[in-house]
């Protein structure tokens, strides 16, 4: 299991970004959350098997959301221990 924290910059708020990410997440065996940040970025946290998390992040890039992302910053994190499913955090 790995954990990833991703910060997305660009036109990522007010365009359904979080809801689309949650829909994409349904196709992968991952847990985590996605939320808007006050500075205009979106933060995504995902945990799962390395290949599954990598495929999920690539699916986001390959979707219609890819054109809205100007910059993506990724960090390794501790896998989410008690998370269940993938949700939109507020």
Protein backbone atom coordinates (compact mmCIF):
# COMPACT_ATOMS: atom_id res chain seq x y z
CA UNK A 1 0.00 0.00 0.00
CA UNK A 2 1.12 3.51 -0.80
CA UNK A 3 -0.29 6.94 -0.09
CA UNK A 4 -0.18 9.95 -2.39
CA UNK A 5 -1.08 13.56 -1.83
CA UNK A 6 -1.58 15.55 -5.03
CA UNK A 7 -2.13 19.27 -5.38
CA UNK A 8 -3.76 20.40 -8.63
CA UNK A 9 -3.53 23.96 -9.89
CA UNK A 10 -5.33 25.56 -12.81
CA UNK A 11 -9.04 25.91 -13.51
CA UNK A 12 -9.87 23.25 -10.95
CA UNK A 13 -12.53 24.92 -8.79
CA UNK A 14 -16.09 25.70 -9.82
CA UNK A 15 -16.01 23.29 -12.77
CA UNK A 16 -17.10 19.99 -11.16
CA UNK A 17 -13.52 18.80 -10.72
CA UNK A 18 -14.08 17.06 -7.36
CA UNK A 19 -17.24 15.31 -8.54
CA UNK A 20 -15.52 14.09 -11.70
CA UNK A 21 -12.56 12.80 -9.67
CA UNK A 22 -14.96 10.91 -7.39
CA UNK A 23 -16.61 9.32 -10.45
CA UNK A 24 -13.22 8.27 -11.84
CA UNK A 25 -12.27 6.82 -8.44
CA UNK A 26 -15.21 4.39 -8.61
CA UNK A 27 -13.32 2.45 -11.28
CA UNK A 28 -10.31 1.81 -9.03
CA UNK A 29 -9.61 0.02 -5.78
CA UNK A 30 -8.42 3.04 -3.86
CA UNK A 31 -9.50 5.02 -0.81
CA UNK A 32 -9.14 8.71 -0.20
CA UNK A 33 -10.65 12.13 -0.67
CA UNK A 34 -10.60 15.26 -2.78
CA UNK A 35 -11.21 18.81 -1.57
CA UNK A 36 -10.99 22.44 -2.59
CA UNK A 37 -8.38 24.58 -0.84
CA UNK A 38 -8.82 28.28 0.00
CA UNK A 39 -5.91 29.23 -2.30
CA UNK A 40 -7.70 27.90 -5.42
CA UNK A 41 -5.96 24.53 -5.61
CA UNK A 42 -7.53 21.10 -5.20
CA UNK A 43 -5.98 18.52 -2.85
CA UNK A 44 -6.36 14.81 -3.53
CA UNK A 45 -5.32 12.05 -1.15
CA UNK A 46 -5.33 8.47 -2.38
CA UNK A 47 -4.13 5.18 -0.96
CA UNK A 48 -4.01 1.73 -2.47
CA UNK A 49 -1.71 -0.61 -4.31
CA UNK A 50 1.03 1.26 -6.18
CA UNK A 51 -0.20 0.25 -9.66
CA UNK A 52 -3.82 1.05 -8.80
CA UNK A 53 -3.02 4.54 -7.48
CA UNK A 54 -0.79 5.26 -10.51
CA UNK A 55 -3.54 4.14 -12.91
CA UNK A 56 -6.11 6.29 -11.07
CA UNK A 57 -3.92 9.40 -11.29
CA UNK A 58 -3.26 8.73 -14.98
CA UNK A 59 -7.00 8.34 -15.59
CA UNK A 60 -7.54 11.82 -14.12
CA UNK A 61 -4.89 13.25 -16.47
CA UNK A 62 -6.40 11.41 -19.47
CA UNK A 63 -9.96 12.56 -18.71
CA UNK A 64 -11.54 15.88 -19.64
CA UNK A 65 -10.05 17.20 -16.38
CA UNK A 66 -6.56 17.04 -17.87
CA UNK A 67 -7.19 20.20 -19.88
CA UNK A 68 -8.07 22.10 -16.68
CA UNK A 69 -4.89 21.16 -14.82
CA UNK A 70 -2.02 23.63 -15.20
CA UNK A 71 0.26 22.08 -12.58
CA UNK A 72 0.28 18.89 -10.50
CA UNK A 73 2.49 18.40 -7.43
CA UNK A 74 2.71 14.92 -5.88
CA UNK A 75 4.04 13.78 -2.52
CA UNK A 76 4.35 10.33 -0.98
CA UNK A 77 2.37 10.03 2.27
CA UNK A 78 1.53 7.40 4.81
CA UNK A 79 -1.33 5.25 3.46
CA UNK A 80 -4.72 6.19 4.90
CA UNK A 81 -5.32 3.66 7.66
CA UNK A 82 -9.04 3.82 8.41
CA UNK A 83 -10.41 5.32 5.22
CA UNK A 84 -13.28 3.64 3.42
CA UNK A 85 -14.19 4.53 -0.13
CA UNK A 86 -13.39 7.76 -1.91
CA UNK A 87 -15.20 10.92 -0.88
CA UNK A 88 -15.41 14.65 -1.42
CA UNK A 89 -14.14 16.41 1.69
CA UNK A 90 -15.37 19.84 2.69
